[in-house]
């Protein structure tokens, strides 16, 4: 039995990487073009394929995390090939990559209901950071246009006002440190990184990514990104400047975004909140978002010196 792990970079390899992910965790998934964009714009990102006796059976992803010095790392092994050392081998490869890019730990997600994966990470020293609560909004059930935004507030898209891109990023920078999380606060992205990952990526939806204006100033931002080509999009972050909070602006942006998304032909919006983020979870519940299976954010040490073993 021979296990090999190699970077995925060609169109065929990236398509196989996505197919394994879909078989393990379902979809939707971004397209190959999105993965190519990530590899071209972030040299610290790696997509790995693991083969058992020449047959691709697992994938691994390693990319910079917004939390501390960690590398975001995910291992996915097809169900019929687990407990043969494949997962351990992929995790070791991701750990070597983390060491090469000077990341001191690994951070990733496992589904709360997946007992086998939870045992896998616990046995390797990973600890719980927080519970993440995904939700989804069925746009086909959305009835009627949204109500008017709060008095004095105007909501427009970045496509309509591309001159407001930097101001939208400034809202995210101010907001991200205030979001209640069970982990240490994420580090805001630079403008260049934010633009690359939000507006320049193949799945970007600038006509559905909105800003809220009050007196000509940007006070709110809500980004949306397409996931594949199946009518599904992800709400990236919805935030409001501290001086404008408590007036329903976040709710108004998300309502407007959902309505525009439905008119544009989308059928579903997904998003995720940390369990500790009660305010935004309440907003989503009022808007009709429904709960999906919970994920656990876990963090652990680099798995250096480990190769084939259980997993």
C-alpha atoms as a PDB file:
ATOM      1  CA  UNK A   1       0.000   0.000   0.000  1.00  0.00           C
ATOM      2  CA  UNK A   2       1.554   3.264  -1.182  1.00  0.00           C
ATOM      3  CA  UNK A   3       0.300   6.703  -0.163  1.00  0.00           C
ATOM      4  CA  UNK A   4       1.489   9.724  -2.123  1.00  0.00           C
ATOM      5  CA  UNK A   5       0.623  13.398  -1.663  1.00  0.00           C
ATOM      6  CA  UNK A   6       1.179  15.947  -4.419  1.00  0.00           C
ATOM      7  CA  UNK A   7       0.090  19.559  -5.055  1.00  0.00           C
ATOM      8  CA  UNK A   8      -2.994  19.985  -7.229  1.00  0.00           C
ATOM      9  CA  UNK A   9      -2.445  22.610  -9.897  1.00  0.00           C
ATOM     10  CA  UNK A  10      -3.688  21.495 -13.298  1.00  0.00           C
ATOM     11  CA  UNK A  11      -7.311  21.803 -14.360  1.00  0.00           C
ATOM     12  CA  UNK A  12      -7.787  18.045 -14.040  1.00  0.00           C
ATOM     13  CA  UNK A  13      -6.146  17.923 -10.608  1.00  0.00           C
ATOM     14  CA  UNK A  14      -8.190  20.819  -9.266  1.00  0.00           C
ATOM     15  CA  UNK A  15     -11.385  19.236 -10.617  1.00  0.00           C
ATOM     16  CA  UNK A  16     -10.494  16.017  -8.782  1.00  0.00           C
ATOM     17  CA  UNK A  17      -9.766  18.028  -5.626  1.00  0.00           C
ATOM     18  CA  UNK A  18     -13.246  19.577  -5.803  1.00  0.00           C
ATOM     19  CA  UNK A  19     -14.923  16.247  -6.560  1.00  0.00           C
ATOM     20  CA  UNK A  20     -13.404  14.655  -3.444  1.00  0.00           C
ATOM     21  CA  UNK A  21     -14.538  17.608  -1.315  1.00  0.00           C
ATOM     22  CA  UNK A  22     -18.074  17.340  -2.673  1.00  0.00           C
ATOM     23  CA  UNK A  23     -18.225  13.618  -1.963  1.00  0.00           C
ATOM     24  CA  UNK A  24     -17.048  14.097   1.621  1.00  0.00           C
ATOM     25  CA  UNK A  25     -18.922  17.244   2.649  1.00  0.00           C
ATOM     26  CA  UNK A  26     -21.474  17.886  -0.075  1.00  0.00           C
ATOM     27  CA  UNK A  27     -21.736  21.221  -1.863  1.00  0.00           C
ATOM     28  CA  UNK A  28     -21.858  23.724  -3.258  1.00  0.00           C
ATOM     29  CA  UNK A  29     -18.188  24.283  -4.029  1.00  0.00           C
ATOM     30  CA  UNK A  30     -16.438  27.075  -5.923  1.00  0.00           C
ATOM     31  CA  UNK A  31     -15.354  26.338  -9.459  1.00  0.00           C
ATOM     32  CA  UNK A  32     -11.896  25.461 -10.734  1.00  0.00           C
ATOM     33  CA  UNK A  33     -11.421  29.076 -11.843  1.00  0.00           C
ATOM     34  CA  UNK A  34     -11.739  30.219  -8.234  1.00  0.00           C
ATOM     35  CA  UNK A  35      -9.065  27.772  -7.099  1.00  0.00           C
ATOM     36  CA  UNK A  36      -6.775  28.916  -9.909  1.00  0.00           C
ATOM     37  CA  UNK A  37      -7.337  32.505  -8.788  1.00  0.00           C
ATOM     38  CA  UNK A  38      -6.403  31.621  -5.203  1.00  0.00           C
ATOM     39  CA  UNK A  39      -3.201  29.895  -6.284  1.00  0.00           C
ATOM     40  CA  UNK A  40      -2.253  32.799  -8.540  1.00  0.00           C
ATOM     41  CA  UNK A  41      -2.859  35.506  -5.941  1.00  0.00           C
ATOM     42  CA  UNK A  42      -1.802  33.852  -2.656  1.00  0.00           C
ATOM     43  CA  UNK A  43       1.532  31.992  -2.843  1.00  0.00           C
ATOM     44  CA  UNK A  44       1.016  30.510   0.638  1.00  0.00           C
ATOM     45  CA  UNK A  45      -2.062  28.564  -0.484  1.00  0.00           C
ATOM     46  CA  UNK A  46      -1.745  24.858  -1.329  1.00  0.00           C
ATOM     47  CA  UNK A  47      -4.281  22.359  -2.614  1.00  0.00           C
ATOM     48  CA  UNK A  48      -3.154  18.749  -2.176  1.00  0.00           C
ATOM     49  CA  UNK A  49      -4.266  15.434  -3.633  1.00  0.00           C
ATOM     50  CA  UNK A  50      -3.482  12.146  -1.903  1.00  0.00           C
ATOM     51  CA  UNK A  51      -3.472   8.856  -3.786  1.00  0.00           C
ATOM     52  CA  UNK A  52      -3.571   5.320  -2.474  1.00  0.00           C
ATOM     53  CA  UNK A  53      -1.827   2.955  -4.890  1.00  0.00           C
ATOM     54  CA  UNK A  54      -2.314   5.561  -7.616  1.00  0.00           C
ATOM     55  CA  UNK A  55      -6.020   6.255  -6.961  1.00  0.00           C
ATOM     56  CA  UNK A  56      -6.934   9.775  -5.711  1.00  0.00           C
ATOM     57  CA  UNK A  57      -8.746   9.261  -2.391  1.00  0.00           C
ATOM     58  CA  UNK A  58      -8.180  12.415  -0.325  1.00  0.00           C
ATOM     59  CA  UNK A  59      -7.594  16.137  -0.513  1.00  0.00           C
ATOM     60  CA  UNK A  60      -5.964  18.751   1.663  1.00  0.00           C
ATOM     61  CA  UNK A  61      -6.076  22.521   1.717  1.00  0.00           C
ATOM     62  CA  UNK A  62      -3.689  24.862   3.456  1.00  0.00           C
ATOM     63  CA  UNK A  63      -4.054  28.622   3.342  1.00  0.00           C
ATOM     64  CA  UNK A  64      -3.364  31.603   5.602  1.00  0.00           C
ATOM     65  CA  UNK A  65      -5.820  32.000   8.462  1.00  0.00           C
ATOM     66  CA  UNK A  66      -7.114  35.290   9.836  1.00  0.00           C
ATOM     67  CA  UNK A  67      -6.592  33.952  13.368  1.00  0.00           C
ATOM     68  CA  UNK A  68      -3.153  34.305  14.904  1.00  0.00           C
ATOM     69  CA  UNK A  69      -0.216  32.541  13.273  1.00  0.00           C
ATOM     70  CA  UNK A  70      -2.284  29.523  12.226  1.00  0.00           C
ATOM     71  CA  UNK A  71      -2.526  27.899   8.818  1.00  0.00           C
ATOM     72  CA  UNK A  72      -6.098  27.050   7.859  1.00  0.00           C
ATOM     73  CA  UNK A  73      -5.915  23.323   7.126  1.00  0.00           C
ATOM     74  CA  UNK A  74      -8.593  20.844   6.032  1.00  0.00           C
ATOM     75  CA  UNK A  75      -8.217  17.134   5.302  1.00  0.00           C
ATOM     76  CA  UNK A  76     -10.934  15.189   3.466  1.00  0.00           C
ATOM     77  CA  UNK A  77     -10.702  11.430   2.905  1.00  0.00           C
ATOM     78  CA  UNK A  78     -13.257   9.461   0.915  1.00  0.00           C
ATOM     79  CA  UNK A  79     -15.270   7.248   3.294  1.00  0.00           C
ATOM     80  CA  UNK A  80     -14.105   3.952   1.821  1.00  0.00           C
ATOM     81  CA  UNK A  81     -10.425   4.801   2.317  1.00  0.00           C
ATOM     82  CA  UNK A  82     -10.293   5.923   5.927  1.00  0.00           C
ATOM     83  CA  UNK A  83      -8.266   4.296   8.711  1.00  0.00           C
ATOM     84  CA  UNK A  84      -5.435   3.486   6.298  1.00  0.00           C
ATOM     85  CA  UNK A  85      -3.105   6.358   7.187  1.00  0.00           C
ATOM     86  CA  UNK A  86      -4.175   8.642   4.354  1.00  0.00           C
ATOM     87  CA  UNK A  87      -5.537  11.426   6.562  1.00  0.00           C
ATOM     88  CA  UNK A  88      -2.456  11.345   8.782  1.00  0.00           C
ATOM     89  CA  UNK A  89      -0.201  11.595   5.748  1.00  0.00           C
ATOM     90  CA  UNK A  90      -2.086  14.575   4.325  1.00  0.00           C
ATOM     91  CA  UNK A  91      -2.049  16.325   7.701  1.00  0.00           C
ATOM     92  CA  UNK A  92       1.715  15.824   7.914  1.00  0.00           C
ATOM     93  CA  UNK A  93       2.120  17.344   4.430  1.00  0.00           C
ATOM     94  CA  UNK A  94       0.028  20.353   5.462  1.00  0.00           C
ATOM     95  CA  UNK A  95       2.131  20.703   8.616  1.00  0.00           C
ATOM     96  CA  UNK A  96       5.328  20.821   6.571  1.00  0.00           C
ATOM     97  CA  UNK A  97       3.754  23.497   4.406  1.00  0.00           C
ATOM     98  CA  UNK A  98       2.739  25.428   7.529  1.00  0.00           C
ATOM     99  CA  UNK A  99       6.317  25.280   8.784  1.00  0.00           C
ATOM    100  CA  UNK A 100       7.587  26.494   5.411  1.00  0.00           C
ATOM    101  CA  UNK A 101       5.315  29.569   5.492  1.00  0.00           C
ATOM    102  CA  UNK A 102       6.131  30.201   9.181  1.00  0.00           C
ATOM    103  CA  UNK A 103       2.758  29.250  10.619  1.00  0.00           C
ATOM    104  CA  UNK A 104       3.026  27.894  14.147  1.00  0.00           C
ATOM    105  CA  UNK A 105      -0.234  25.942  14.369  1.00  0.00           C
ATOM    106  CA  UNK A 106      -3.106  24.492  12.351  1.00  0.00           C
ATOM    107  CA  UNK A 107      -6.729  25.596  12.478  1.00  0.00           C
ATOM    108  CA  UNK A 108      -9.619  23.877  10.742  1.00  0.00           C
ATOM    109  CA  UNK A 109     -13.183  22.639  10.984  1.00  0.00           C
ATOM    110  CA  UNK A 110     -14.928  19.348  11.667  1.00  0.00           C
ATOM    111  CA  UNK A 111     -18.644  18.726  11.671  1.00  0.00           C
ATOM    112  CA  UNK A 112     -20.031  18.446  15.182  1.00  0.00           C
ATOM    113  CA  UNK A 113     -21.923  15.254  14.299  1.00  0.00           C
ATOM    114  CA  UNK A 114     -18.855  13.564  12.740  1.00  0.00           C
ATOM    115  CA  UNK A 115     -17.576  11.546  15.704  1.00  0.00           C
ATOM    116  CA  UNK A 116     -14.770   9.870  13.733  1.00  0.00           C
ATOM    117  CA  UNK A 117     -13.292  13.181  12.554  1.00  0.00           C
ATOM    118  CA  UNK A 118     -13.577  14.636  16.044  1.00  0.00           C
ATOM    119  CA  UNK A 119     -11.622  11.687  17.456  1.00  0.00           C
ATOM    120  CA  UNK A 120      -9.035  12.089  14.691  1.00  0.00           C
ATOM    121  CA  UNK A 121      -8.245  15.707  15.615  1.00  0.00           C
ATOM    122  CA  UNK A 122      -8.540  15.202  19.393  1.00  0.00           C
ATOM    123  CA  UNK A 123      -6.004  12.364  19.267  1.00  0.00           C
ATOM    124  CA  UNK A 124      -3.575  14.766  17.591  1.00  0.00           C
ATOM    125  CA  UNK A 125      -3.838  17.497  20.196  1.00  0.00           C
ATOM    126  CA  UNK A 126      -6.460  19.730  18.615  1.00  0.00           C
ATOM    127  CA  UNK A 127      -8.750  21.636  20.959  1.00  0.00           C
ATOM    128  CA  UNK A 128     -12.094  23.329  20.455  1.00  0.00           C
ATOM    129  CA  UNK A 129     -11.903  27.023  19.586  1.00  0.00           C
ATOM    130  CA  UNK A 130     -15.571  27.759  18.899  1.00  0.00           C
ATOM    131  CA  UNK A 131     -18.830  26.423  17.494  1.00  0.00           C
ATOM    132  CA  UNK A 132     -19.841  27.768  14.097  1.00  0.00           C
ATOM    133  CA  UNK A 133     -23.493  27.888  13.130  1.00  0.00           C
ATOM    134  CA  UNK A 134     -24.183  27.865   9.369  1.00  0.00           C
ATOM    135  CA  UNK A 135     -27.581  29.028   8.129  1.00  0.00           C
ATOM    136  CA  UNK A 136     -29.234  29.246   4.721  1.00  0.00           C
ATOM    137  CA  UNK A 137     -32.001  31.350   3.205  1.00  0.00           C
ATOM    138  CA  UNK A 138     -34.284  29.809   0.572  1.00  0.00           C
ATOM    139  CA  UNK A 139     -34.826  32.681  -1.854  1.00  0.00           C
ATOM    140  CA  UNK A 140     -37.602  30.853  -3.680  1.00  0.00           C
ATOM    141  CA  UNK A 141     -39.783  31.415  -0.595  1.00  0.00           C
ATOM    142  CA  UNK A 142     -39.002  35.117  -0.357  1.00  0.00           C
ATOM    143  CA  UNK A 143     -42.222  37.095  -0.628  1.00  0.00           C
ATOM    144  CA  UNK A 144     -42.552  40.734  -1.597  1.00  0.00           C
ATOM    145  CA  UNK A 145     -39.939  43.477  -1.949  1.00  0.00           C
ATOM    146  CA  UNK A 146     -38.005  44.587   1.151  1.00  0.00           C
ATOM    147  CA  UNK A 147     -39.288  47.493   3.257  1.00  0.00           C
ATOM    148  CA  UNK A 148     -37.638  50.874   2.966  1.00  0.00           C
ATOM    149  CA  UNK A 149     -34.295  51.224   4.805  1.00  0.00           C
ATOM    150  CA  UNK A 150     -34.100  53.385   7.941  1.00  0.00           C
ATOM    151  CA  UNK A 151     -34.705  57.091   7.435  1.00  0.00           C
ATOM    152  CA  UNK A 152     -31.760  58.853   5.832  1.00  0.00           C
ATOM    153  CA  UNK A 153     -30.101  55.601   4.687  1.00  0.00           C
ATOM    154  CA  UNK A 154     -29.608  54.692   1.016  1.00  0.00           C
ATOM    155  CA  UNK A 155     -28.503  51.221  -0.075  1.00  0.00           C
ATOM    156  CA  UNK A 156     -26.551  50.807  -3.321  1.00  0.00           C
ATOM    157  CA  UNK A 157     -24.352  48.121  -4.845  1.00  0.00           C
ATOM    158  CA  UNK A 158     -20.617  48.309  -5.384  1.00  0.00           C
ATOM    159  CA  UNK A 159     -21.348  47.869  -9.098  1.00  0.00           C
ATOM    160  CA  UNK A 160     -23.438  51.041  -8.972  1.00  0.00           C
ATOM    161  CA  UNK A 161     -20.841  52.931  -6.919  1.00  0.00           C
ATOM    162  CA  UNK A 162     -17.370  51.439  -7.546  1.00  0.00           C
ATOM    163  CA  UNK A 163     -15.888  54.612  -6.053  1.00  0.00           C
ATOM    164  CA  UNK A 164     -16.991  53.335  -2.632  1.00  0.00           C
ATOM    165  CA  UNK A 165     -14.839  50.179  -2.632  1.00  0.00           C
ATOM    166  CA  UNK A 166     -12.224  51.530  -0.218  1.00  0.00           C
ATOM    167  CA  UNK A 167     -14.881  52.877   2.113  1.00  0.00           C
ATOM    168  CA  UNK A 168     -16.557  49.439   2.147  1.00  0.00           C
ATOM    169  CA  UNK A 169     -13.259  47.854   3.162  1.00  0.00           C
ATOM    170  CA  UNK A 170     -12.873  50.419   5.954  1.00  0.00           C
ATOM    171  CA  UNK A 171     -16.252  49.339   7.346  1.00  0.00           C
ATOM    172  CA  UNK A 172     -15.103  45.713   7.385  1.00  0.00           C
ATOM    173  CA  UNK A 173     -11.859  46.633   9.148  1.00  0.00           C
ATOM    174  CA  UNK A 174     -13.785  48.516  11.857  1.00  0.00           C
ATOM    175  CA  UNK A 175     -16.395  45.778  12.181  1.00  0.00           C
ATOM    176  CA  UNK A 176     -14.328  42.611  12.229  1.00  0.00           C
ATOM    177  CA  UNK A 177     -12.686  43.292  15.569  1.00  0.00           C
ATOM    178  CA  UNK A 178     -16.085  43.869  17.183  1.00  0.00           C
ATOM    179  CA  UNK A 179     -17.701  40.625  16.030  1.00  0.00           C
ATOM    180  CA  UNK A 180     -18.319  38.339  19.036  1.00  0.00           C
ATOM    181  CA  UNK A 181     -16.290  35.160  18.517  1.00  0.00           C
ATOM    182  CA  UNK A 182     -15.250  32.251  20.683  1.00  0.00           C
ATOM    183  CA  UNK A 183     -11.660  32.555  19.451  1.00  0.00           C
ATOM    184  CA  UNK A 184      -9.211  35.416  19.386  1.00  0.00           C
ATOM    185  CA  UNK A 185     -10.387  38.215  17.107  1.00  0.00           C
ATOM    186  CA  UNK A 186      -9.563  37.721  13.411  1.00  0.00           C
ATOM    187  CA  UNK A 187      -6.960  39.985  11.844  1.00  0.00           C
ATOM    188  CA  UNK A 188      -8.461  42.372   9.246  1.00  0.00           C
ATOM    189  CA  UNK A 189      -7.241  41.870   5.701  1.00  0.00           C
ATOM    190  CA  UNK A 190      -5.315  44.527   3.856  1.00  0.00           C
ATOM    191  CA  UNK A 191      -7.262  46.381   1.189  1.00  0.00           C
ATOM    192  CA  UNK A 192      -5.378  44.532  -1.557  1.00  0.00           C
ATOM    193  CA  UNK A 193      -6.116  41.101  -0.057  1.00  0.00           C
ATOM    194  CA  UNK A 194      -9.748  41.989   0.607  1.00  0.00           C
ATOM    195  CA  UNK A 195     -10.291  43.238  -2.948  1.00  0.00           C
ATOM    196  CA  UNK A 196      -8.606  40.155  -4.405  1.00  0.00           C
ATOM    197  CA  UNK A 197     -10.720  37.742  -2.362  1.00  0.00           C
ATOM    198  CA  UNK A 198     -14.001  39.675  -2.512  1.00  0.00           C
ATOM    199  CA  UNK A 199     -14.283  41.614  -5.767  1.00  0.00           C
ATOM    200  CA  UNK A 200     -11.636  40.216  -8.133  1.00  0.00           C
ATOM    201  CA  UNK A 201     -12.346  36.518  -7.551  1.00  0.00           C
ATOM    202  CA  UNK A 202     -14.263  34.698 -10.346  1.00  0.00           C
ATOM    203  CA  UNK A 203     -17.368  34.297  -8.143  1.00  0.00           C
ATOM    204  CA  UNK A 204     -17.563  37.987  -7.253  1.00  0.00           C
ATOM    205  CA  UNK A 205     -21.045  39.534  -7.273  1.00  0.00           C
ATOM    206  CA  UNK A 206     -20.481  43.312  -7.174  1.00  0.00           C
ATOM    207  CA  UNK A 207     -24.081  43.959  -8.272  1.00  0.00           C
ATOM    208  CA  UNK A 208     -25.265  42.115  -5.137  1.00  0.00           C
ATOM    209  CA  UNK A 209     -22.575  43.352  -2.725  1.00  0.00           C
ATOM    210  CA  UNK A 210     -24.080  46.353  -0.989  1.00  0.00           C
ATOM    211  CA  UNK A 211     -23.101  49.449   0.931  1.00  0.00           C
ATOM    212  CA  UNK A 212     -25.327  51.610   3.121  1.00  0.00           C
ATOM    213  CA  UNK A 213     -24.924  55.358   2.797  1.00  0.00           C
ATOM    214  CA  UNK A 214     -25.951  58.021   5.288  1.00  0.00           C
ATOM    215  CA  UNK A 215     -25.279  61.657   4.498  1.00  0.00           C
ATOM    216  CA  UNK A 216     -22.976  60.526   1.713  1.00  0.00           C
ATOM    217  CA  UNK A 217     -20.812  58.415   4.051  1.00  0.00           C
ATOM    218  CA  UNK A 218     -20.550  54.640   3.899  1.00  0.00           C
ATOM    219  CA  UNK A 219     -21.826  53.218   7.193  1.00  0.00           C
ATOM    220  CA  UNK A 220     -22.515  49.592   6.211  1.00  0.00           C
ATOM    221  CA  UNK A 221     -21.176  46.819   4.003  1.00  0.00           C
ATOM    222  CA  UNK A 222     -22.570  43.393   3.009  1.00  0.00           C
ATOM    223  CA  UNK A 223     -20.595  41.250   0.565  1.00  0.00           C
ATOM    224  CA  UNK A 224     -21.893  38.341  -1.514  1.00  0.00           C
ATOM    225  CA  UNK A 225     -19.927  35.692  -3.418  1.00  0.00           C
ATOM    226  CA  UNK A 226     -21.224  33.017  -5.796  1.00  0.00           C
ATOM    227  CA  UNK A 227     -20.522  29.379  -4.888  1.00  0.00           C
ATOM    228  CA  UNK A 228     -20.206  27.466  -8.137  1.00  0.00           C
ATOM    229  CA  UNK A 229     -22.888  27.852 -10.778  1.00  0.00           C
ATOM    230  CA  UNK A 230     -25.889  26.367  -8.992  1.00  0.00           C
ATOM    231  CA  UNK A 231     -27.624  29.555  -7.908  1.00  0.00           C
ATOM    232  CA  UNK A 232     -26.040  29.538  -4.445  1.00  0.00           C
ATOM    233  CA  UNK A 233     -24.126  32.440  -2.907  1.00  0.00           C
ATOM    234  CA  UNK A 234     -22.359  33.111   0.375  1.00  0.00           C
ATOM    235  CA  UNK A 235     -22.792  36.236   2.458  1.00  0.00           C
ATOM    236  CA  UNK A 236     -19.206  37.068   3.356  1.00  0.00           C
ATOM    237  CA  UNK A 237     -19.668  39.664   6.062  1.00  0.00           C
ATOM    238  CA  UNK A 238     -22.320  42.190   6.994  1.00  0.00           C
ATOM    239  CA  UNK A 239     -21.090  45.027   9.152  1.00  0.00           C
ATOM    240  CA  UNK A 240     -22.103  48.507  10.286  1.00  0.00           C
ATOM    241  CA  UNK A 241     -19.928  51.266  11.669  1.00  0.00           C
ATOM    242  CA  UNK A 242     -20.159  51.680  15.447  1.00  0.00           C
ATOM    243  CA  UNK A 243     -21.708  55.128  15.125  1.00  0.00           C
ATOM    244  CA  UNK A 244     -24.632  53.774  13.056  1.00  0.00           C
ATOM    245  CA  UNK A 245     -25.477  50.561  14.897  1.00  0.00           C
ATOM    246  CA  UNK A 246     -28.767  49.745  16.574  1.00  0.00           C
ATOM    247  CA  UNK A 247     -30.952  51.249  13.848  1.00  0.00           C
ATOM    248  CA  UNK A 248     -31.661  48.203  11.694  1.00  0.00           C
ATOM    249  CA  UNK A 249     -29.138  48.988   8.954  1.00  0.00           C
ATOM    250  CA  UNK A 250     -27.631  45.480   8.904  1.00  0.00           C
ATOM    251  CA  UNK A 251     -31.105  43.939   8.640  1.00  0.00           C
ATOM    252  CA  UNK A 252     -32.042  46.356   5.851  1.00  0.00           C
ATOM    253  CA  UNK A 253     -28.911  45.523   3.851  1.00  0.00           C
ATOM    254  CA  UNK A 254     -29.452  41.783   4.141  1.00  0.00           C
ATOM    255  CA  UNK A 255     -33.119  42.104   3.173  1.00  0.00           C
ATOM    256  CA  UNK A 256     -32.225  44.215   0.145  1.00  0.00           C
ATOM    257  CA  UNK A 257     -29.446  41.816  -0.794  1.00  0.00           C
ATOM    258  CA  UNK A 258     -31.763  38.807  -0.621  1.00  0.00           C
ATOM    259  CA  UNK A 259     -34.370  40.527  -2.779  1.00  0.00           C
ATOM    260  CA  UNK A 260     -31.806  41.571  -5.398  1.00  0.00           C
ATOM    261  CA  UNK A 261     -30.310  38.086  -5.364  1.00  0.00           C
ATOM    262  CA  UNK A 262     -33.703  36.512  -6.026  1.00  0.00           C
ATOM    263  CA  UNK A 263     -34.348  38.920  -8.907  1.00  0.00           C
ATOM    264  CA  UNK A 264     -30.914  38.006 -10.305  1.00  0.00           C
ATOM    265  CA  UNK A 265     -31.886  34.318 -10.405  1.00  0.00           C
ATOM    266  CA  UNK A 266     -30.157  33.008  -7.286  1.00  0.00           C
ATOM    267  CA  UNK A 267     -32.035  30.467  -5.191  1.00  0.00           C
ATOM    268  CA  UNK A 268     -30.137  30.328  -1.899  1.00  0.00           C
ATOM    269  CA  UNK A 269     -27.843  32.413   0.317  1.00  0.00           C
ATOM    270  CA  UNK A 270     -25.595  30.752   2.893  1.00  0.00           C
ATOM    271  CA  UNK A 271     -23.629  32.282   5.732  1.00  0.00           C
ATOM    272  CA  UNK A 272     -21.964  31.254   8.987  1.00  0.00           C
ATOM    273  CA  UNK A 273     -21.756  32.921  12.376  1.00  0.00           C
ATOM    274  CA  UNK A 274     -19.800  32.063  15.462  1.00  0.00           C
ATOM    275  CA  UNK A 275     -22.118  30.793  18.180  1.00  0.00           C
ATOM    276  CA  UNK A 276     -21.101  33.801  20.287  1.00  0.00           C
ATOM    277  CA  UNK A 277     -22.348  36.267  17.660  1.00  0.00           C
ATOM    278  CA  UNK A 278     -25.880  36.458  19.041  1.00  0.00           C
ATOM    279  CA  UNK A 279     -26.778  39.817  17.410  1.00  0.00           C
ATOM    280  CA  UNK A 280     -26.184  38.682  13.819  1.00  0.00           C
ATOM    281  CA  UNK A 281     -27.659  35.249  14.468  1.00  0.00           C
ATOM    282  CA  UNK A 282     -30.826  37.014  15.616  1.00  0.00           C
ATOM    283  CA  UNK A 283     -30.859  39.144  12.445  1.00  0.00           C
ATOM    284  CA  UNK A 284     -30.544  36.052  10.284  1.00  0.00           C
ATOM    285  CA  UNK A 285     -33.321  34.269  12.167  1.00  0.00           C
ATOM    286  CA  UNK A 286     -35.681  37.215  11.667  1.00  0.00           C
ATOM    287  CA  UNK A 287     -34.907  37.177   7.953  1.00  0.00           C
ATOM    288  CA  UNK A 288     -35.829  33.504   7.632  1.00  0.00           C
ATOM    289  CA  UNK A 289     -32.397  31.864   7.521  1.00  0.00           C
ATOM    290  CA  UNK A 290     -32.620  28.242   8.664  1.00  0.00           C
ATOM    291  CA  UNK A 291     -30.036  26.275  10.631  1.00  0.00           C
ATOM    292  CA  UNK A 292     -27.609  23.862   8.961  1.00  0.00           C
ATOM    293  CA  UNK A 293     -25.343  21.280  10.677  1.00  0.00           C
ATOM    294  CA  UNK A 294     -22.935  22.851  13.176  1.00  0.00           C
ATOM    295  CA  UNK A 295     -19.182  22.921  12.592  1.00  0.00           C
ATOM    296  CA  UNK A 296     -16.461  23.013  15.237  1.00  0.00           C
ATOM    297  CA  UNK A 297     -13.457  25.258  14.781  1.00  0.00           C
ATOM    298  CA  UNK A 298     -10.421  23.443  16.196  1.00  0.00           C
ATOM    299  CA  UNK A 299      -6.774  24.366  16.585  1.00  0.00           C
ATOM    300  CA  UNK A 300      -3.758  22.181  17.171  1.00  0.00           C
ATOM    301  CA  UNK A 301      -0.007  21.732  16.783  1.00  0.00           C
ATOM    302  CA  UNK A 302       1.846  21.008  13.582  1.00  0.00           C
ATOM    303  CA  UNK A 303       2.006  17.267  12.937  1.00  0.00           C
ATOM    304  CA  UNK A 304       5.683  17.086  12.002  1.00  0.00           C
ATOM    305  CA  UNK A 305       7.430  13.727  12.021  1.00  0.00           C
ATOM    306  CA  UNK A 306       4.147  11.869  11.462  1.00  0.00           C
ATOM    307  CA  UNK A 307       3.494  10.076   8.231  1.00  0.00           C
ATOM    308  CA  UNK A 308       1.427   6.990   7.676  1.00  0.00           C
ATOM    309  CA  UNK A 309      -0.711   5.867  10.563  1.00  0.00           C
ATOM    310  CA  UNK A 310      -4.344   5.714  11.511  1.00  0.00           C
ATOM    311  CA  UNK A 311      -6.734   8.104   9.803  1.00  0.00           C
END
